[in-house]
């Protein structure tokens, strides 16, 4: 699923602009909660004390809307 997520993000936002998680979920016919788990694993979030690869950046605005941005370079 992660490879499909990254490919779809490249198609929807080739310049790395943010994509609404709801739009991504609709495109992939997946639940937002499932995408959040997968995308968290691709972000720089620490799981079990180990940082992720930093391939994407998740953000939530004040209204609770989630967006994801594909990063050109992993976060160091």
C-alpha atoms as a PDB file:
ATOM      1  CA  UNK A   1       0.000   0.000   0.000  1.00  0.00           C
ATOM      2  CA  UNK A   2       2.854   2.429   0.732  1.00  0.00           C
ATOM      3  CA  UNK A   3       4.216   2.270  -2.819  1.00  0.00           C
ATOM      4  CA  UNK A   4       0.732   2.948  -4.195  1.00  0.00           C
ATOM      5  CA  UNK A   5       0.330   5.877  -1.780  1.00  0.00           C
ATOM      6  CA  UNK A   6       3.599   7.471  -2.854  1.00  0.00           C
ATOM      7  CA  UNK A   7       2.819   6.977  -6.554  1.00  0.00           C
ATOM      8  CA  UNK A   8      -0.634   8.533  -6.172  1.00  0.00           C
ATOM      9  CA  UNK A   9       0.841  11.497  -4.285  1.00  0.00           C
ATOM     10  CA  UNK A  10       3.319  12.013  -7.138  1.00  0.00           C
ATOM     11  CA  UNK A  11       0.428  11.997  -9.623  1.00  0.00           C
ATOM     12  CA  UNK A  12      -1.809  14.355  -7.617  1.00  0.00           C
ATOM     13  CA  UNK A  13       0.909  16.813  -6.614  1.00  0.00           C
ATOM     14  CA  UNK A  14       4.037  16.498  -8.767  1.00  0.00           C
ATOM     15  CA  UNK A  15       5.481  19.736  -7.367  1.00  0.00           C
ATOM     16  CA  UNK A  16       5.079  18.575  -3.760  1.00  0.00           C
ATOM     17  CA  UNK A  17       2.067  20.724  -2.886  1.00  0.00           C
ATOM     18  CA  UNK A  18      -0.212  19.510  -0.050  1.00  0.00           C
ATOM     19  CA  UNK A  19      -2.987  17.051  -0.884  1.00  0.00           C
ATOM     20  CA  UNK A  20      -6.131  16.705   1.231  1.00  0.00           C
ATOM     21  CA  UNK A  21      -6.275  13.309   2.875  1.00  0.00           C
ATOM     22  CA  UNK A  22      -9.936  13.019   1.907  1.00  0.00           C
ATOM     23  CA  UNK A  23      -8.996  13.475  -1.760  1.00  0.00           C
ATOM     24  CA  UNK A  24      -6.284  10.857  -1.482  1.00  0.00           C
ATOM     25  CA  UNK A  25      -8.660   8.447   0.266  1.00  0.00           C
ATOM     26  CA  UNK A  26     -11.268   8.870  -2.451  1.00  0.00           C
ATOM     27  CA  UNK A  27      -8.686   8.333  -5.196  1.00  0.00           C
ATOM     28  CA  UNK A  28      -7.387   5.149  -3.552  1.00  0.00           C
ATOM     29  CA  UNK A  29     -10.815   3.969  -2.362  1.00  0.00           C
ATOM     30  CA  UNK A  30      -9.450   3.681   1.170  1.00  0.00           C
ATOM     31  CA  UNK A  31     -10.425   4.954   4.600  1.00  0.00           C
ATOM     32  CA  UNK A  32      -8.712   8.078   5.904  1.00  0.00           C
ATOM     33  CA  UNK A  33      -7.802   6.254   9.138  1.00  0.00           C
ATOM     34  CA  UNK A  34      -5.955   3.579   7.156  1.00  0.00           C
ATOM     35  CA  UNK A  35      -4.093   6.217   5.147  1.00  0.00           C
ATOM     36  CA  UNK A  36      -3.125   8.082   8.329  1.00  0.00           C
ATOM     37  CA  UNK A  37      -1.506   4.937   9.728  1.00  0.00           C
ATOM     38  CA  UNK A  38       0.356   4.225   6.493  1.00  0.00           C
ATOM     39  CA  UNK A  39       1.452   7.834   6.033  1.00  0.00           C
ATOM     40  CA  UNK A  40       2.611   8.110   9.635  1.00  0.00           C
ATOM     41  CA  UNK A  41       4.970   5.203   8.944  1.00  0.00           C
ATOM     42  CA  UNK A  42       6.319   7.125   5.915  1.00  0.00           C
ATOM     43  CA  UNK A  43       6.784  10.381   7.852  1.00  0.00           C
ATOM     44  CA  UNK A  44       9.542  11.275  10.297  1.00  0.00           C
ATOM     45  CA  UNK A  45       7.395  10.234  13.280  1.00  0.00           C
ATOM     46  CA  UNK A  46       9.187   8.147  15.883  1.00  0.00           C
ATOM     47  CA  UNK A  47       7.791   4.659  16.393  1.00  0.00           C
ATOM     48  CA  UNK A  48       9.407   2.492  19.018  1.00  0.00           C
ATOM     49  CA  UNK A  49      12.105   5.141  19.388  1.00  0.00           C
ATOM     50  CA  UNK A  50      13.089   4.872  15.730  1.00  0.00           C
ATOM     51  CA  UNK A  51      12.373   7.792  13.367  1.00  0.00           C
ATOM     52  CA  UNK A  52      10.587   7.065  10.101  1.00  0.00           C
ATOM     53  CA  UNK A  53      12.103   7.730   6.668  1.00  0.00           C
ATOM     54  CA  UNK A  54      10.671  11.260   6.342  1.00  0.00           C
ATOM     55  CA  UNK A  55       9.189  10.753   2.865  1.00  0.00           C
ATOM     56  CA  UNK A  56       5.973  12.650   3.624  1.00  0.00           C
ATOM     57  CA  UNK A  57       4.810  15.428   5.908  1.00  0.00           C
ATOM     58  CA  UNK A  58       1.390  15.267   7.562  1.00  0.00           C
ATOM     59  CA  UNK A  59      -0.391  18.389   8.788  1.00  0.00           C
ATOM     60  CA  UNK A  60      -3.717  19.075  10.472  1.00  0.00           C
ATOM     61  CA  UNK A  61      -5.234  22.576  10.364  1.00  0.00           C
ATOM     62  CA  UNK A  62      -7.347  24.231  13.068  1.00  0.00           C
ATOM     63  CA  UNK A  63     -10.533  22.832  11.522  1.00  0.00           C
ATOM     64  CA  UNK A  64      -9.221  19.251  11.743  1.00  0.00           C
ATOM     65  CA  UNK A  65      -8.512  18.841   8.009  1.00  0.00           C
ATOM     66  CA  UNK A  66      -5.521  16.630   7.283  1.00  0.00           C
ATOM     67  CA  UNK A  67      -3.140  17.199   4.378  1.00  0.00           C
ATOM     68  CA  UNK A  68      -0.093  15.293   3.244  1.00  0.00           C
ATOM     69  CA  UNK A  69       2.887  16.572   1.284  1.00  0.00           C
ATOM     70  CA  UNK A  70       5.429  14.432  -0.519  1.00  0.00           C
ATOM     71  CA  UNK A  71       8.904  15.629   0.405  1.00  0.00           C
ATOM     72  CA  UNK A  72      11.640  15.833  -2.208  1.00  0.00           C
ATOM     73  CA  UNK A  73      14.275  14.826   0.322  1.00  0.00           C
ATOM     74  CA  UNK A  74      13.783  12.799   3.494  1.00  0.00           C
ATOM     75  CA  UNK A  75      13.936  14.882   6.680  1.00  0.00           C
ATOM     76  CA  UNK A  76      17.259  14.397   8.460  1.00  0.00           C
END
